[in-house]
Amino acid sequence: MTAARADLQEQFREMPAGLRMDRPEVADGAAIWRIARDSGTLDLNSSYSYLLWCRDFADTSVVARDGNGQPVGFITGYVRPAHPGTLVVWQVAVDSAHRGRGLAAALLDGLTARVAADLASAPVALNRVETTITPGNTASERLFTSFAARHDVPVDREVLFDSGAFPDGGHAPEILYRIGPFGT
């Protein structure tokens, strides 16, 4: 077990009762799209993109399922091609009926532990998590800063894309949260 994997597993948040963590499947794409739409905070991608995400990035994404196997939360992510030790978290959303129970934190811990385990035999171990957050999204700010605190790693912040970078106008800047390194 790598130091990064041990660190991530040591501080793992438990899933709330009655829910389980799983890899997403293509059949989950529609439910994930609805959860993203209903979140009220995420930039909604096309329904097609969620289907593709569930097909092509299932190993770096996670879904929470209720007792009936229905998705009630998700995280989409990918490993950066130019930085293979970095997991980029694209979107996090939890159905409104399941918020406030620590589900997003449990999913984030579980996903990073799984990706760390999957990369354990790779030339580069998981050493960072990156995400972007728009100013004022306090739920996401708390999720990622508490993740860093649980794993005792720093968080660096910088503007990744300012408002002027978006062609459709009216988009807030995206602040890059660079969390890690793990296991140093």
C-alpha atoms as a PDB file:
ATOM      1  CA  MET A   1       0.000   0.000   0.000  1.00  0.00           C
ATOM      2  CA  THR A   2       1.394   3.401  -0.930  1.00  0.00           C
ATOM      3  CA  ALA A   3       1.644   6.217   1.602  1.00  0.00           C
ATOM      4  CA  ALA A   4      -1.009   8.134  -0.332  1.00  0.00           C
ATOM      5  CA  ARG A   5      -3.428   5.198  -0.243  1.00  0.00           C
ATOM      6  CA  ALA A   6      -2.828   4.598   3.483  1.00  0.00           C
ATOM      7  CA  ASP A   7      -3.421   8.280   4.227  1.00  0.00           C
ATOM      8  CA  LEU A   8      -6.667   8.334   2.247  1.00  0.00           C
ATOM      9  CA  GLN A   9      -8.006   5.140   3.839  1.00  0.00           C
ATOM     10  CA  GLU A  10      -7.066   6.145   7.374  1.00  0.00           C
ATOM     11  CA  GLN A  11      -9.405   9.127   7.292  1.00  0.00           C
ATOM     12  CA  PHE A  12     -12.218   7.547   5.238  1.00  0.00           C
ATOM     13  CA  ARG A  13     -15.706   8.856   6.006  1.00  0.00           C
ATOM     14  CA  GLU A  14     -18.347   6.151   6.362  1.00  0.00           C
ATOM     15  CA  MET A  15     -21.303   6.063   3.993  1.00  0.00           C
ATOM     16  CA  PRO A  16     -24.606   7.133   5.560  1.00  0.00           C
ATOM     17  CA  ALA A  17     -26.858   4.254   6.607  1.00  0.00           C
ATOM     18  CA  GLY A  18     -28.830   2.631   3.795  1.00  0.00           C
ATOM     19  CA  LEU A  19     -26.563   3.930   1.019  1.00  0.00           C
ATOM     20  CA  ARG A  20     -23.730   2.285  -0.846  1.00  0.00           C
ATOM     21  CA  MET A  21     -20.942   3.485  -3.080  1.00  0.00           C
ATOM     22  CA  ASP A  22     -20.543   2.097  -6.611  1.00  0.00           C
ATOM     23  CA  ARG A  23     -18.971   2.776  -9.995  1.00  0.00           C
ATOM     24  CA  PRO A  24     -21.445   4.506 -12.299  1.00  0.00           C
ATOM     25  CA  GLU A  25     -22.853   2.640 -15.291  1.00  0.00           C
ATOM     26  CA  VAL A  26     -24.273   4.035 -18.520  1.00  0.00           C
ATOM     27  CA  ALA A  27     -27.764   3.281 -17.191  1.00  0.00           C
ATOM     28  CA  ASP A  28     -27.070   5.812 -14.377  1.00  0.00           C
ATOM     29  CA  GLY A  29     -26.448   8.682 -16.788  1.00  0.00           C
ATOM     30  CA  ALA A  30     -30.044   9.943 -16.860  1.00  0.00           C
ATOM     31  CA  ALA A  31     -30.372   9.923 -13.059  1.00  0.00           C
ATOM     32  CA  ILE A  32     -27.004  11.652 -12.645  1.00  0.00           C
ATOM     33  CA  TRP A  33     -28.065  14.310 -15.166  1.00  0.00           C
ATOM     34  CA  ARG A  34     -31.310  14.878 -13.176  1.00  0.00           C
ATOM     35  CA  ILE A  35     -29.416  15.172  -9.880  1.00  0.00           C
ATOM     36  CA  ALA A  36     -27.043  17.696 -11.488  1.00  0.00           C
ATOM     37  CA  ARG A  37     -29.968  19.639 -12.952  1.00  0.00           C
ATOM     38  CA  ASP A  38     -31.861  19.692  -9.671  1.00  0.00           C
ATOM     39  CA  SER A  39     -28.799  20.759  -7.663  1.00  0.00           C
ATOM     40  CA  GLY A  40     -29.367  24.353  -8.695  1.00  0.00           C
ATOM     41  CA  THR A  41     -25.641  25.112  -8.468  1.00  0.00           C
ATOM     42  CA  LEU A  42     -23.855  23.033 -11.105  1.00  0.00           C
ATOM     43  CA  ASP A  43     -23.286  24.005 -14.705  1.00  0.00           C
ATOM     44  CA  LEU A  44     -25.562  21.483 -16.367  1.00  0.00           C
ATOM     45  CA  ASN A  45     -23.942  19.548 -19.181  1.00  0.00           C
ATOM     46  CA  SER A  46     -25.916  17.796 -21.909  1.00  0.00           C
ATOM     47  CA  SER A  47     -27.588  14.532 -20.931  1.00  0.00           C
ATOM     48  CA  TYR A  48     -25.387  12.887 -23.559  1.00  0.00           C
ATOM     49  CA  SER A  49     -22.246  13.994 -21.713  1.00  0.00           C
ATOM     50  CA  TYR A  50     -23.381  12.241 -18.519  1.00  0.00           C
ATOM     51  CA  LEU A  51     -23.937   9.027 -20.473  1.00  0.00           C
ATOM     52  CA  LEU A  52     -20.439   9.294 -21.921  1.00  0.00           C
ATOM     53  CA  TRP A  53     -18.989  10.127 -18.509  1.00  0.00           C
ATOM     54  CA  CYS A  54     -20.529   6.983 -17.024  1.00  0.00           C
ATOM     55  CA  ARG A  55     -19.086   4.935 -19.873  1.00  0.00           C
ATOM     56  CA  ASP A  56     -15.623   6.457 -20.259  1.00  0.00           C
ATOM     57  CA  PHE A  57     -14.752   7.752 -16.772  1.00  0.00           C
ATOM     58  CA  ALA A  58     -16.476   5.254 -14.476  1.00  0.00           C
ATOM     59  CA  ASP A  59     -13.154   4.293 -12.877  1.00  0.00           C
ATOM     60  CA  THR A  60     -12.574   7.875 -11.738  1.00  0.00           C
ATOM     61  CA  SER A  61     -16.163   8.631 -10.790  1.00  0.00           C
ATOM     62  CA  VAL A  62     -18.532   7.336  -8.126  1.00  0.00           C
ATOM     63  CA  VAL A  63     -22.261   7.071  -7.514  1.00  0.00           C
ATOM     64  CA  ALA A  64     -24.181   6.637  -4.258  1.00  0.00           C
ATOM     65  CA  ARG A  65     -27.090   4.219  -4.449  1.00  0.00           C
ATOM     66  CA  ASP A  66     -30.096   3.897  -2.172  1.00  0.00           C
ATOM     67  CA  GLY A  67     -31.550   0.579  -1.017  1.00  0.00           C
ATOM     68  CA  ASN A  68     -33.289   0.159  -4.380  1.00  0.00           C
ATOM     69  CA  GLY A  69     -30.059   0.711  -6.305  1.00  0.00           C
ATOM     70  CA  GLN A  70     -31.102   4.158  -7.534  1.00  0.00           C
ATOM     71  CA  PRO A  71     -28.462   6.926  -7.750  1.00  0.00           C
ATOM     72  CA  VAL A  72     -28.869   9.589  -5.061  1.00  0.00           C
ATOM     73  CA  GLY A  73     -25.501  11.329  -5.426  1.00  0.00           C
ATOM     74  CA  PHE A  74     -22.405  11.290  -7.579  1.00  0.00           C
ATOM     75  CA  ILE A  75     -18.937  12.610  -8.217  1.00  0.00           C
ATOM     76  CA  THR A  76     -17.495  12.772 -11.705  1.00  0.00           C
ATOM     77  CA  GLY A  77     -13.751  12.967 -12.114  1.00  0.00           C
ATOM     78  CA  TYR A  78     -10.789  12.133 -14.279  1.00  0.00           C
ATOM     79  CA  VAL A  79      -7.032  11.761 -14.003  1.00  0.00           C
ATOM     80  CA  ARG A  80      -5.240  14.659 -15.693  1.00  0.00           C
ATOM     81  CA  PRO A  81      -3.385  13.357 -18.745  1.00  0.00           C
ATOM     82  CA  ALA A  82      -0.473  15.768 -18.260  1.00  0.00           C
ATOM     83  CA  HIS A  83      -0.370  15.105 -14.487  1.00  0.00           C
ATOM     84  CA  PRO A  84      -1.266  11.432 -13.961  1.00  0.00           C
ATOM     85  CA  GLY A  85      -0.986  11.726 -10.169  1.00  0.00           C
ATOM     86  CA  THR A  86      -3.804  14.282 -10.080  1.00  0.00           C
ATOM     87  CA  LEU A  87      -7.492  13.421  -9.794  1.00  0.00           C
ATOM     88  CA  VAL A  88      -9.676  16.245 -11.081  1.00  0.00           C
ATOM     89  CA  VAL A  89     -13.118  16.320  -9.502  1.00  0.00           C
ATOM     90  CA  TRP A  90     -15.480  17.695 -12.130  1.00  0.00           C
ATOM     91  CA  GLN A  91     -18.879  17.684 -10.401  1.00  0.00           C
ATOM     92  CA  VAL A  92     -20.303  16.689  -7.026  1.00  0.00           C
ATOM     93  CA  ALA A  93     -24.040  16.538  -6.408  1.00  0.00           C
ATOM     94  CA  VAL A  94     -26.378  14.931  -3.906  1.00  0.00           C
ATOM     95  CA  ASP A  95     -30.140  14.568  -4.261  1.00  0.00           C
ATOM     96  CA  SER A  96     -31.907  17.043  -1.968  1.00  0.00           C
ATOM     97  CA  ALA A  97     -33.479  14.219   0.087  1.00  0.00           C
ATOM     98  CA  HIS A  98     -30.005  12.961   1.054  1.00  0.00           C
ATOM     99  CA  ARG A  99     -28.159  16.207   1.811  1.00  0.00           C
ATOM    100  CA  GLY A 100     -26.775  17.038   5.228  1.00  0.00           C
ATOM    101  CA  ARG A 101     -25.750  13.456   6.047  1.00  0.00           C
ATOM    102  CA  GLY A 102     -22.090  13.604   5.002  1.00  0.00           C
ATOM    103  CA  LEU A 103     -22.710  11.773   1.747  1.00  0.00           C
ATOM    104  CA  ALA A 104     -20.590  14.059  -0.450  1.00  0.00           C
ATOM    105  CA  ALA A 105     -17.645  13.748   1.959  1.00  0.00           C
ATOM    106  CA  ALA A 106     -17.973   9.956   2.077  1.00  0.00           C
ATOM    107  CA  LEU A 107     -18.095   9.807  -1.722  1.00  0.00           C
ATOM    108  CA  LEU A 108     -15.037  12.053  -2.045  1.00  0.00           C
ATOM    109  CA  ASP A 109     -13.043   9.981   0.456  1.00  0.00           C
ATOM    110  CA  GLY A 110     -14.150   6.721  -1.147  1.00  0.00           C
ATOM    111  CA  LEU A 111     -13.398   7.879  -4.673  1.00  0.00           C
ATOM    112  CA  THR A 112      -9.931   9.160  -3.826  1.00  0.00           C
ATOM    113  CA  ALA A 113      -9.111   5.963  -1.915  1.00  0.00           C
ATOM    114  CA  ARG A 114     -10.270   3.867  -4.889  1.00  0.00           C
ATOM    115  CA  VAL A 115      -8.285   5.916  -7.419  1.00  0.00           C
ATOM    116  CA  ALA A 116      -5.221   5.764  -5.146  1.00  0.00           C
ATOM    117  CA  ALA A 117      -5.573   1.975  -4.970  1.00  0.00           C
ATOM    118  CA  ASP A 118      -6.017   1.732  -8.746  1.00  0.00           C
ATOM    119  CA  LEU A 119      -2.888   3.842  -9.305  1.00  0.00           C
ATOM    120  CA  ALA A 120      -0.841   1.947  -6.711  1.00  0.00           C
ATOM    121  CA  SER A 121       0.799  -0.186  -9.401  1.00  0.00           C
ATOM    122  CA  ALA A 122       1.097   2.698 -11.876  1.00  0.00           C
ATOM    123  CA  PRO A 123       4.329   4.639 -12.364  1.00  0.00           C
ATOM    124  CA  VAL A 124       2.775   7.669 -10.642  1.00  0.00           C
ATOM    125  CA  ALA A 125       0.726   7.457  -7.435  1.00  0.00           C
ATOM    126  CA  LEU A 126      -2.217   9.703  -6.641  1.00  0.00           C
ATOM    127  CA  ASN A 127      -0.739  12.746  -4.969  1.00  0.00           C
ATOM    128  CA  ARG A 128      -3.254  15.549  -5.523  1.00  0.00           C
ATOM    129  CA  VAL A 129      -6.916  16.335  -5.985  1.00  0.00           C
ATOM    130  CA  GLU A 130      -7.967  19.358  -8.001  1.00  0.00           C
ATOM    131  CA  THR A 131     -11.352  20.963  -8.441  1.00  0.00           C
ATOM    132  CA  THR A 132     -12.723  24.358  -9.351  1.00  0.00           C
ATOM    133  CA  ILE A 133     -15.246  26.250  -7.286  1.00  0.00           C
ATOM    134  CA  THR A 134     -17.041  29.484  -8.062  1.00  0.00           C
ATOM    135  CA  PRO A 135     -16.870  32.148  -5.362  1.00  0.00           C
ATOM    136  CA  GLY A 136     -19.783  31.901  -2.953  1.00  0.00           C
ATOM    137  CA  ASN A 137     -20.319  28.147  -3.345  1.00  0.00           C
ATOM    138  CA  THR A 138     -19.865  27.575   0.370  1.00  0.00           C
ATOM    139  CA  ALA A 139     -20.997  23.927   0.296  1.00  0.00           C
ATOM    140  CA  SER A 140     -18.205  23.016  -2.140  1.00  0.00           C
ATOM    141  CA  GLU A 141     -15.682  25.181  -0.308  1.00  0.00           C
ATOM    142  CA  ARG A 142     -16.490  23.354   2.950  1.00  0.00           C
ATOM    143  CA  LEU A 143     -16.443  19.920   1.289  1.00  0.00           C
ATOM    144  CA  PHE A 144     -12.970  20.349  -0.177  1.00  0.00           C
ATOM    145  CA  THR A 145     -11.360  22.269   2.692  1.00  0.00           C
ATOM    146  CA  SER A 146     -12.660  19.691   5.198  1.00  0.00           C
ATOM    147  CA  PHE A 147     -11.319  16.912   2.926  1.00  0.00           C
ATOM    148  CA  ALA A 148      -7.890  18.561   3.034  1.00  0.00           C
ATOM    149  CA  ALA A 149      -8.109  18.967   6.814  1.00  0.00           C
ATOM    150  CA  ARG A 150      -9.094  15.291   7.314  1.00  0.00           C
ATOM    151  CA  HIS A 151      -6.079  14.224   5.283  1.00  0.00           C
ATOM    152  CA  ASP A 152      -3.778  16.875   6.783  1.00  0.00           C
ATOM    153  CA  VAL A 153      -2.720  18.296   3.427  1.00  0.00           C
ATOM    154  CA  PRO A 154      -2.568  21.883   2.190  1.00  0.00           C
ATOM    155  CA  VAL A 155      -5.003  23.598  -0.149  1.00  0.00           C
ATOM    156  CA  ASP A 156      -3.665  26.105  -2.655  1.00  0.00           C
ATOM    157  CA  ARG A 157      -6.112  28.371  -4.470  1.00  0.00           C
ATOM    158  CA  GLU A 158      -5.746  30.419  -7.622  1.00  0.00           C
ATOM    159  CA  VAL A 159      -7.994  31.685 -10.384  1.00  0.00           C
ATOM    160  CA  LEU A 160      -8.008  29.092 -13.153  1.00  0.00           C
ATOM    161  CA  PHE A 161     -10.505  30.809 -15.458  1.00  0.00           C
ATOM    162  CA  ASP A 162     -11.586  34.387 -14.892  1.00  0.00           C
ATOM    163  CA  SER A 163     -15.040  35.579 -15.904  1.00  0.00           C
ATOM    164  CA  GLY A 164     -13.803  36.896 -19.249  1.00  0.00           C
ATOM    165  CA  ALA A 165     -12.651  33.437 -20.354  1.00  0.00           C
ATOM    166  CA  PHE A 166     -16.244  32.219 -20.741  1.00  0.00           C
ATOM    167  CA  PRO A 167     -17.750  32.975 -24.154  1.00  0.00           C
ATOM    168  CA  ASP A 168     -21.352  33.051 -22.949  1.00  0.00           C
ATOM    169  CA  GLY A 169     -20.760  35.841 -20.420  1.00  0.00           C
ATOM    170  CA  GLY A 170     -22.142  36.096 -16.924  1.00  0.00           C
ATOM    171  CA  HIS A 171     -20.111  33.176 -15.581  1.00  0.00           C
ATOM    172  CA  ALA A 172     -18.323  33.675 -12.282  1.00  0.00           C
ATOM    173  CA  PRO A 173     -14.600  32.928 -12.180  1.00  0.00           C
ATOM    174  CA  GLU A 174     -13.547  29.352 -11.480  1.00  0.00           C
ATOM    175  CA  ILE A 175     -11.113  29.094  -8.583  1.00  0.00           C
ATOM    176  CA  LEU A 176      -8.745  26.130  -8.749  1.00  0.00           C
ATOM    177  CA  TYR A 177      -8.377  24.254  -5.460  1.00  0.00           C
ATOM    178  CA  ARG A 178      -5.189  22.186  -5.537  1.00  0.00           C
ATOM    179  CA  ILE A 179      -5.251  19.758  -2.592  1.00  0.00           C
ATOM    180  CA  GLY A 180      -2.142  17.841  -1.578  1.00  0.00           C
ATOM    181  CA  PRO A 181       0.379  16.415  -1.894  1.00  0.00           C
ATOM    182  CA  PHE A 182      -0.671  13.234  -0.102  1.00  0.00           C
ATOM    183  CA  GLY A 183       1.742  10.903   1.648  1.00  0.00           C
ATOM    184  CA  THR A 184       4.731  13.220   1.900  1.00  0.00           C
END
